[in-house]
Amino acid sequence: MDIKQAIEQQNLAFARQVNRILDRPIPEALFEKQLSQHDPMRVATLAVKTRKSLNDHKPNGRLNHKLTKFDRFILWLKRARA
């Protein structure tokens, strides 16, 4: 294995660890798809921004309101397009 492949594997592992530590703000299937298409550091940055926006999200007044996977997906799309 050459150095370039080792660095790529390390970046992929780092991005996966960031998503796992942040309690998977981006659903796993979507995260893996994005990793295969884009730079791992960009995907990790999007995971951090999505987690921050999830933390800033205010419930709509209903009791026990939790964000659904769809809500997370929409917030992630907004961050990805920004």
PDB file of N, CA and C in Angstrom:
ATOM      1  N   MET A   1       0.862  -1.179   0.000  1.00  0.00           N
ATOM      2  CA  MET A   1       0.000   0.000   0.000  1.00  0.00           C
ATOM      3  C   MET A   1       0.904   1.237   0.000  1.00  0.00           C
ATOM      4  N   ASP A   2       0.627   2.137  -0.880  1.00  0.00           N
ATOM      5  CA  ASP A   2       1.436   3.345  -0.922  1.00  0.00           C
ATOM      6  C   ASP A   2       0.851   4.409   0.014  1.00  0.00           C
ATOM      7  N   ILE A   3       1.554   5.498   0.133  1.00  0.00           N
ATOM      8  CA  ILE A   3       1.185   6.542   1.090  1.00  0.00           C
ATOM      9  C   ILE A   3      -0.142   7.193   0.727  1.00  0.00           C
ATOM     10  N   LYS A   4      -0.383   7.390  -0.556  1.00  0.00           N
ATOM     11  CA  LYS A   4      -1.630   8.043  -0.985  1.00  0.00           C
ATOM     12  C   LYS A   4      -2.857   7.216  -0.591  1.00  0.00           C
ATOM     13  N   GLN A   5      -2.798   5.901  -0.783  1.00  0.00           N
ATOM     14  CA  GLN A   5      -3.914   5.034  -0.394  1.00  0.00           C
ATOM     15  C   GLN A   5      -4.102   5.031   1.118  1.00  0.00           C
ATOM     16  N   ALA A   6      -3.007   5.052   1.865  1.00  0.00           N
ATOM     17  CA  ALA A   6      -3.095   5.070   3.327  1.00  0.00           C
ATOM     18  C   ALA A   6      -3.765   6.351   3.813  1.00  0.00           C
ATOM     19  N   ILE A   7      -3.430   7.471   3.197  1.00  0.00           N
ATOM     20  CA  ILE A   7      -4.040   8.748   3.583  1.00  0.00           C
ATOM     21  C   ILE A   7      -5.526   8.749   3.249  1.00  0.00           C
ATOM     22  N   GLU A   8      -5.895   8.206   2.083  1.00  0.00           N
ATOM     23  CA  GLU A   8      -7.310   8.135   1.707  1.00  0.00           C
ATOM     24  C   GLU A   8      -8.100   7.282   2.692  1.00  0.00           C
ATOM     25  N   GLN A   9      -7.542   6.135   3.091  1.00  0.00           N
ATOM     26  CA  GLN A   9      -8.220   5.277   4.066  1.00  0.00           C
ATOM     27  C   GLN A   9      -8.345   5.969   5.418  1.00  0.00           C
ATOM     28  N   GLN A  10      -7.318   6.701   5.811  1.00  0.00           N
ATOM     29  CA  GLN A  10      -7.352   7.420   7.078  1.00  0.00           C
ATOM     30  C   GLN A  10      -8.418   8.516   7.046  1.00  0.00           C
ATOM     31  N   ASN A  11      -8.544   9.227   5.930  1.00  0.00           N
ATOM     32  CA  ASN A  11      -9.565  10.266   5.807  1.00  0.00           C
ATOM     33  C   ASN A  11     -10.973   9.679   5.849  1.00  0.00           C
ATOM     34  N   LEU A  12     -11.180   8.531   5.197  1.00  0.00           N
ATOM     35  CA  LEU A  12     -12.487   7.868   5.246  1.00  0.00           C
ATOM     36  C   LEU A  12     -12.828   7.445   6.674  1.00  0.00           C
ATOM     37  N   ALA A  13     -11.848   6.881   7.373  1.00  0.00           N
ATOM     38  CA  ALA A  13     -12.076   6.460   8.756  1.00  0.00           C
ATOM     39  C   ALA A  13     -12.385   7.664   9.646  1.00  0.00           C
ATOM     40  N   PHE A  14     -11.694   8.770   9.417  1.00  0.00           N
ATOM     41  CA  PHE A  14     -11.946   9.982  10.198  1.00  0.00           C
ATOM     42  C   PHE A  14     -13.363  10.493   9.980  1.00  0.00           C
ATOM     43  N   ALA A  15     -13.805  10.540   8.724  1.00  0.00           N
ATOM     44  CA  ALA A  15     -15.153  11.028   8.420  1.00  0.00           C
ATOM     45  C   ALA A  15     -16.211  10.131   9.057  1.00  0.00           C
ATOM     46  N   ARG A  16     -16.009   8.813   9.001  1.00  0.00           N
ATOM     47  CA  ARG A  16     -16.964   7.883   9.633  1.00  0.00           C
ATOM     48  C   ARG A  16     -16.996   8.076  11.149  1.00  0.00           C
ATOM     49  N   GLN A  17     -15.832   8.307  11.741  1.00  0.00           N
ATOM     50  CA  GLN A  17     -15.759   8.503  13.183  1.00  0.00           C
ATOM     51  C   GLN A  17     -16.456   9.798  13.590  1.00  0.00           C
ATOM     52  N   VAL A  18     -16.304  10.852  12.815  1.00  0.00           N
ATOM     53  CA  VAL A  18     -16.979  12.121  13.111  1.00  0.00           C
ATOM     54  C   VAL A  18     -18.488  11.921  13.093  1.00  0.00           C
ATOM     55  N   ASN A  19     -18.999  11.237  12.088  1.00  0.00           N
ATOM     56  CA  ASN A  19     -20.440  10.995  11.990  1.00  0.00           C
ATOM     57  C   ASN A  19     -20.927  10.154  13.169  1.00  0.00           C
ATOM     58  N   ARG A  20     -20.131   9.152  13.575  1.00  0.00           N
ATOM     59  CA  ARG A  20     -20.522   8.286  14.688  1.00  0.00           C
ATOM     60  C   ARG A  20     -20.484   9.050  16.021  1.00  0.00           C
ATOM     61  N   ILE A  21     -19.456   9.852  16.237  1.00  0.00           N
ATOM     62  CA  ILE A  21     -19.327  10.601  17.490  1.00  0.00           C
ATOM     63  C   ILE A  21     -20.462  11.609  17.643  1.00  0.00           C
ATOM     64  N   LEU A  22     -20.875  12.206  16.533  1.00  0.00           N
ATOM     65  CA  LEU A  22     -21.953  13.199  16.574  1.00  0.00           C
ATOM     66  C   LEU A  22     -23.338  12.553  16.570  1.00  0.00           C
ATOM     67  N   ASP A  23     -23.393  11.257  16.800  1.00  0.00           N
ATOM     68  CA  ASP A  23     -24.654  10.507  16.882  1.00  0.00           C
ATOM     69  C   ASP A  23     -25.371  10.470  15.537  1.00  0.00           C
ATOM     70  N   ARG A  24     -24.593  10.296  14.493  1.00  0.00           N
ATOM     71  CA  ARG A  24     -25.082  10.101  13.123  1.00  0.00           C
ATOM     72  C   ARG A  24     -26.130  11.119  12.679  1.00  0.00           C
ATOM     73  N   PRO A  25     -25.740  12.400  12.560  1.00  0.00           N
ATOM     74  CA  PRO A  25     -26.695  13.399  12.064  1.00  0.00           C
ATOM     75  C   PRO A  25     -27.092  13.148  10.614  1.00  0.00           C
ATOM     76  N   ILE A  26     -26.215  12.506   9.858  1.00  0.00           N
ATOM     77  CA  ILE A  26     -26.534  12.121   8.481  1.00  0.00           C
ATOM     78  C   ILE A  26     -26.787  10.614   8.501  1.00  0.00           C
ATOM     79  N   PRO A  27     -27.927  10.150   8.000  1.00  0.00           N
ATOM     80  CA  PRO A  27     -28.207   8.705   7.990  1.00  0.00           C
ATOM     81  C   PRO A  27     -27.073   7.922   7.320  1.00  0.00           C
ATOM     82  N   GLU A  28     -26.819   6.730   7.830  1.00  0.00           N
ATOM     83  CA  GLU A  28     -25.648   5.948   7.427  1.00  0.00           C
ATOM     84  C   GLU A  28     -25.591   5.665   5.921  1.00  0.00           C
ATOM     85  N   ALA A  29     -26.707   5.281   5.327  1.00  0.00           N
ATOM     86  CA  ALA A  29     -26.705   4.963   3.890  1.00  0.00           C
ATOM     87  C   ALA A  29     -26.361   6.202   3.059  1.00  0.00           C
ATOM     88  N   LEU A  30     -26.947   7.328   3.416  1.00  0.00           N
ATOM     89  CA  LEU A  30     -26.665   8.575   2.703  1.00  0.00           C
ATOM     90  C   LEU A  30     -25.215   9.002   2.923  1.00  0.00           C
ATOM     91  N   PHE A  31     -24.722   8.798   4.130  1.00  0.00           N
ATOM     92  CA  PHE A  31     -23.345   9.163   4.458  1.00  0.00           C
ATOM     93  C   PHE A  31     -22.357   8.368   3.607  1.00  0.00           C
ATOM     94  N   GLU A  32     -22.563   7.058   3.508  1.00  0.00           N
ATOM     95  CA  GLU A  32     -21.664   6.221   2.712  1.00  0.00           C
ATOM     96  C   GLU A  32     -21.729   6.590   1.230  1.00  0.00           C
ATOM     97  N   LYS A  33     -22.927   6.915   0.752  1.00  0.00           N
ATOM     98  CA  LYS A  33     -23.071   7.317  -0.649  1.00  0.00           C
ATOM     99  C   LYS A  33     -22.294   8.608  -0.910  1.00  0.00           C
ATOM    100  N   GLN A  34     -22.399   9.567   0.014  1.00  0.00           N
ATOM    101  CA  GLN A  34     -21.683  10.827  -0.145  1.00  0.00           C
ATOM    102  C   GLN A  34     -20.169  10.629  -0.056  1.00  0.00           C
ATOM    103  N   LEU A  35     -19.732   9.706   0.804  1.00  0.00           N
ATOM    104  CA  LEU A  35     -18.296   9.431   0.901  1.00  0.00           C
ATOM    105  C   LEU A  35     -17.750   8.880  -0.410  1.00  0.00           C
ATOM    106  N   SER A  36     -18.542   8.066  -1.082  1.00  0.00           N
ATOM    107  CA  SER A  36     -18.064   7.492  -2.339  1.00  0.00           C
ATOM    108  C   SER A  36     -18.019   8.532  -3.459  1.00  0.00           C
ATOM    109  N   GLN A  37     -18.813   9.596  -3.342  1.00  0.00           N
ATOM    110  CA  GLN A  37     -18.894  10.590  -4.402  1.00  0.00           C
ATOM    111  C   GLN A  37     -18.047  11.837  -4.147  1.00  0.00           C
ATOM    112  N   HIS A  38     -17.789  12.165  -2.884  1.00  0.00           N
ATOM    113  CA  HIS A  38     -17.142  13.437  -2.561  1.00  0.00           C
ATOM    114  C   HIS A  38     -15.932  13.225  -1.659  1.00  0.00           C
ATOM    115  N   ASP A  39     -15.250  14.317  -1.403  1.00  0.00           N
ATOM    116  CA  ASP A  39     -14.099  14.334  -0.514  1.00  0.00           C
ATOM    117  C   ASP A  39     -14.550  14.042   0.920  1.00  0.00           C
ATOM    118  N   PRO A  40     -13.860  13.138   1.640  1.00  0.00           N
ATOM    119  CA  PRO A  40     -14.263  12.808   3.010  1.00  0.00           C
ATOM    120  C   PRO A  40     -14.279  14.009   3.960  1.00  0.00           C
ATOM    121  N   MET A  41     -13.363  14.953   3.777  1.00  0.00           N
ATOM    122  CA  MET A  41     -13.348  16.110   4.672  1.00  0.00           C
ATOM    123  C   MET A  41     -14.575  16.992   4.450  1.00  0.00           C
ATOM    124  N   ARG A  42     -15.029  17.093   3.218  1.00  0.00           N
ATOM    125  CA  ARG A  42     -16.242  17.867   2.924  1.00  0.00           C
ATOM    126  C   ARG A  42     -17.455  17.201   3.569  1.00  0.00           C
ATOM    127  N   VAL A  43     -17.525  15.887   3.493  1.00  0.00           N
ATOM    128  CA  VAL A  43     -18.651  15.159   4.076  1.00  0.00           C
ATOM    129  C   VAL A  43     -18.618  15.274   5.601  1.00  0.00           C
ATOM    130  N   ALA A  44     -17.431  15.206   6.198  1.00  0.00           N
ATOM    131  CA  ALA A  44     -17.317  15.362   7.650  1.00  0.00           C
ATOM    132  C   ALA A  44     -17.738  16.766   8.076  1.00  0.00           C
ATOM    133  N   THR A  45     -17.364  17.776   7.292  1.00  0.00           N
ATOM    134  CA  THR A  45     -17.774  19.151   7.586  1.00  0.00           C
ATOM    135  C   THR A  45     -19.285  19.296   7.514  1.00  0.00           C
ATOM    136  N   LEU A  46     -19.901  18.669   6.522  1.00  0.00           N
ATOM    137  CA  LEU A  46     -21.363  18.709   6.422  1.00  0.00           C
ATOM    138  C   LEU A  46     -22.020  18.021   7.612  1.00  0.00           C
ATOM    139  N   ALA A  47     -21.415  16.944   8.107  1.00  0.00           N
ATOM    140  CA  ALA A  47     -21.966  16.259   9.280  1.00  0.00           C
ATOM    141  C   ALA A  47     -21.935  17.182  10.497  1.00  0.00           C
ATOM    142  N   VAL A  48     -20.828  17.905  10.668  1.00  0.00           N
ATOM    143  CA  VAL A  48     -20.715  18.832  11.801  1.00  0.00           C
ATOM    144  C   VAL A  48     -21.730  19.962  11.671  1.00  0.00           C
ATOM    145  N   LYS A  49     -21.860  20.533  10.475  1.00  0.00           N
ATOM    146  CA  LYS A  49     -22.824  21.618  10.273  1.00  0.00           C
ATOM    147  C   LYS A  49     -24.256  21.131  10.473  1.00  0.00           C
ATOM    148  N   THR A  50     -24.542  19.909  10.030  1.00  0.00           N
ATOM    149  CA  THR A  50     -25.885  19.358  10.212  1.00  0.00           C
ATOM    150  C   THR A  50     -26.177  19.151  11.690  1.00  0.00           C
ATOM    151  N   ARG A  51     -25.195  18.660  12.451  1.00  0.00           N
ATOM    152  CA  ARG A  51     -25.396  18.468  13.896  1.00  0.00           C
ATOM    153  C   ARG A  51     -25.647  19.811  14.568  1.00  0.00           C
ATOM    154  N   LYS A  52     -24.911  20.838  14.179  1.00  0.00           N
ATOM    155  CA  LYS A  52     -25.123  22.161  14.770  1.00  0.00           C
ATOM    156  C   LYS A  52     -26.517  22.671  14.456  1.00  0.00           C
ATOM    157  N   SER A  53     -26.983  22.470  13.232  1.00  0.00           N
ATOM    158  CA  SER A  53     -28.331  22.937  12.886  1.00  0.00           C
ATOM    159  C   SER A  53     -29.391  22.107  13.596  1.00  0.00           C
ATOM    160  N   LEU A  54     -29.113  20.827  13.842  1.00  0.00           N
ATOM    161  CA  LEU A  54     -30.062  20.011  14.609  1.00  0.00           C
ATOM    162  C   LEU A  54     -30.134  20.501  16.050  1.00  0.00           C
ATOM    163  N   ASN A  55     -28.993  20.912  16.601  1.00  0.00           N
ATOM    164  CA  ASN A  55     -28.980  21.432  17.965  1.00  0.00           C
ATOM    165  C   ASN A  55     -29.690  22.780  18.051  1.00  0.00           C
ATOM    166  N   ASP A  56     -29.624  23.576  16.984  1.00  0.00           N
ATOM    167  CA  ASP A  56     -30.274  24.883  16.969  1.00  0.00           C
ATOM    168  C   ASP A  56     -31.761  24.794  16.659  1.00  0.00           C
ATOM    169  N   HIS A  57     -32.206  23.633  16.161  1.00  0.00           N
ATOM    170  CA  HIS A  57     -33.608  23.469  15.754  1.00  0.00           C
ATOM    171  C   HIS A  57     -34.514  23.516  16.979  1.00  0.00           C
ATOM    172  N   LYS A  58     -35.535  24.339  16.902  1.00  0.00           N
ATOM    173  CA  LYS A  58     -36.472  24.456  18.017  1.00  0.00           C
ATOM    174  C   LYS A  58     -37.704  23.618  17.719  1.00  0.00           C
ATOM    175  N   PRO A  59     -38.186  22.887  18.694  1.00  0.00           N
ATOM    176  CA  PRO A  59     -39.393  22.096  18.478  1.00  0.00           C
ATOM    177  C   PRO A  59     -40.575  22.988  18.107  1.00  0.00           C
ATOM    178  N   ASN A  60     -41.543  22.414  17.462  1.00  0.00           N
ATOM    179  CA  ASN A  60     -42.677  23.199  16.985  1.00  0.00           C
ATOM    180  C   ASN A  60     -43.777  23.334  18.034  1.00  0.00           C
ATOM    181  N   GLY A  61     -43.495  23.041  19.268  1.00  0.00           N
ATOM    182  CA  GLY A  61     -44.474  23.228  20.320  1.00  0.00           C
ATOM    183  C   GLY A  61     -45.147  21.948  20.771  1.00  0.00           C
ATOM    184  N   ARG A  62     -45.042  20.895  19.993  1.00  0.00           N
ATOM    185  CA  ARG A  62     -45.642  19.629  20.400  1.00  0.00           C
ATOM    186  C   ARG A  62     -44.791  18.999  21.494  1.00  0.00           C
ATOM    187  N   LEU A  63     -45.442  18.298  22.378  1.00  0.00           N
ATOM    188  CA  LEU A  63     -44.700  17.600  23.419  1.00  0.00           C
ATOM    189  C   LEU A  63     -43.969  16.407  22.812  1.00  0.00           C
ATOM    190  N   ASN A  64     -42.822  16.116  23.338  1.00  0.00           N
ATOM    191  CA  ASN A  64     -42.007  14.981  22.910  1.00  0.00           C
ATOM    192  C   ASN A  64     -41.709  15.011  21.409  1.00  0.00           C
ATOM    193  N   HIS A  65     -41.501  16.193  20.882  1.00  0.00           N
ATOM    194  CA  HIS A  65     -41.198  16.306  19.449  1.00  0.00           C
ATOM    195  C   HIS A  65     -39.752  15.895  19.207  1.00  0.00           C
ATOM    196  N   LYS A  66     -39.566  14.954  18.310  1.00  0.00           N
ATOM    197  CA  LYS A  66     -38.228  14.544  17.909  1.00  0.00           C
ATOM    198  C   LYS A  66     -38.118  14.716  16.407  1.00  0.00           C
ATOM    199  N   LEU A  67     -36.929  15.029  15.962  1.00  0.00           N
ATOM    200  CA  LEU A  67     -36.709  15.163  14.529  1.00  0.00           C
ATOM    201  C   LEU A  67     -36.707  13.783  13.886  1.00  0.00           C
ATOM    202  N   THR A  68     -37.410  13.660  12.800  1.00  0.00           N
ATOM    203  CA  THR A  68     -37.435  12.400  12.074  1.00  0.00           C
ATOM    204  C   THR A  68     -36.233  12.329  11.140  1.00  0.00           C
ATOM    205  N   LYS A  69     -36.036  11.170  10.543  1.00  0.00           N
ATOM    206  CA  LYS A  69     -34.948  11.035   9.574  1.00  0.00           C
ATOM    207  C   LYS A  69     -35.167  11.981   8.398  1.00  0.00           C
ATOM    208  N   PHE A  70     -36.428  12.186   8.035  1.00  0.00           N
ATOM    209  CA  PHE A  70     -36.727  13.096   6.933  1.00  0.00           C
ATOM    210  C   PHE A  70     -36.342  14.528   7.300  1.00  0.00           C
ATOM    211  N   ASP A  71     -36.647  14.950   8.550  1.00  0.00           N
ATOM    212  CA  ASP A  71     -36.248  16.288   9.000  1.00  0.00           C
ATOM    213  C   ASP A  71     -34.732  16.451   8.922  1.00  0.00           C
ATOM    214  N   ARG A  72     -34.002  15.424   9.356  1.00  0.00           N
ATOM    215  CA  ARG A  72     -32.545  15.476   9.295  1.00  0.00           C
ATOM    216  C   ARG A  72     -32.065  15.578   7.854  1.00  0.00           C
ATOM    217  N   PHE A  73     -32.712  14.813   6.980  1.00  0.00           N
ATOM    218  CA  PHE A  73     -32.338  14.827   5.569  1.00  0.00           C
ATOM    219  C   PHE A  73     -32.536  16.212   4.966  1.00  0.00           C
ATOM    220  N   ILE A  74     -33.664  16.849   5.273  1.00  0.00           N
ATOM    221  CA  ILE A  74     -33.946  18.187   4.751  1.00  0.00           C
ATOM    222  C   ILE A  74     -32.918  19.188   5.274  1.00  0.00           C
ATOM    223  N   LEU A  75     -32.605  19.130   6.563  1.00  0.00           N
ATOM    224  CA  LEU A  75     -31.598  20.034   7.120  1.00  0.00           C
ATOM    225  C   LEU A  75     -30.233  19.790   6.479  1.00  0.00           C
ATOM    226  N   TRP A  76     -29.911  18.536   6.226  1.00  0.00           N
ATOM    227  CA  TRP A  76     -28.638  18.216   5.597  1.00  0.00           C
ATOM    228  C   TRP A  76     -28.589  18.776   4.182  1.00  0.00           C
ATOM    229  N   LEU A  77     -29.699  18.646   3.434  1.00  0.00           N
ATOM    230  CA  LEU A  77     -29.739  19.187   2.074  1.00  0.00           C
ATOM    231  C   LEU A  77     -29.544  20.698   2.066  1.00  0.00           C
ATOM    232  N   LYS A  78     -30.178  21.377   3.022  1.00  0.00           N
ATOM    233  CA  LYS A  78     -30.019  22.829   3.095  1.00  0.00           C
ATOM    234  C   LYS A  78     -28.561  23.196   3.335  1.00  0.00           C
ATOM    235  N   ARG A  79     -27.882  22.447   4.198  1.00  0.00           N
ATOM    236  CA  ARG A  79     -26.468  22.716   4.479  1.00  0.00           C
ATOM    237  C   ARG A  79     -25.604  22.386   3.271  1.00  0.00           C
ATOM    238  N   ALA A  80     -25.926  21.315   2.572  1.00  0.00           N
ATOM    239  CA  ALA A  80     -25.111  20.911   1.424  1.00  0.00           C
ATOM    240  C   ALA A  80     -25.211  21.923   0.287  1.00  0.00           C
ATOM    241  N   ARG A  81     -26.367  22.543   0.137  1.00  0.00           N
ATOM    242  CA  ARG A  81     -26.558  23.512  -0.940  1.00  0.00           C
ATOM    243  C   ARG A  81     -26.025  24.887  -0.585  1.00  0.00           C
ATOM    244  N   ALA A  82     -25.839  25.167   0.707  1.00  0.00           N
ATOM    245  CA  ALA A  82     -25.369  26.494   1.137  1.00  0.00           C
ATOM    246  C   ALA A  82     -23.897  26.687   0.848  1.00  0.00           C
TER     247      ALA A  82
END
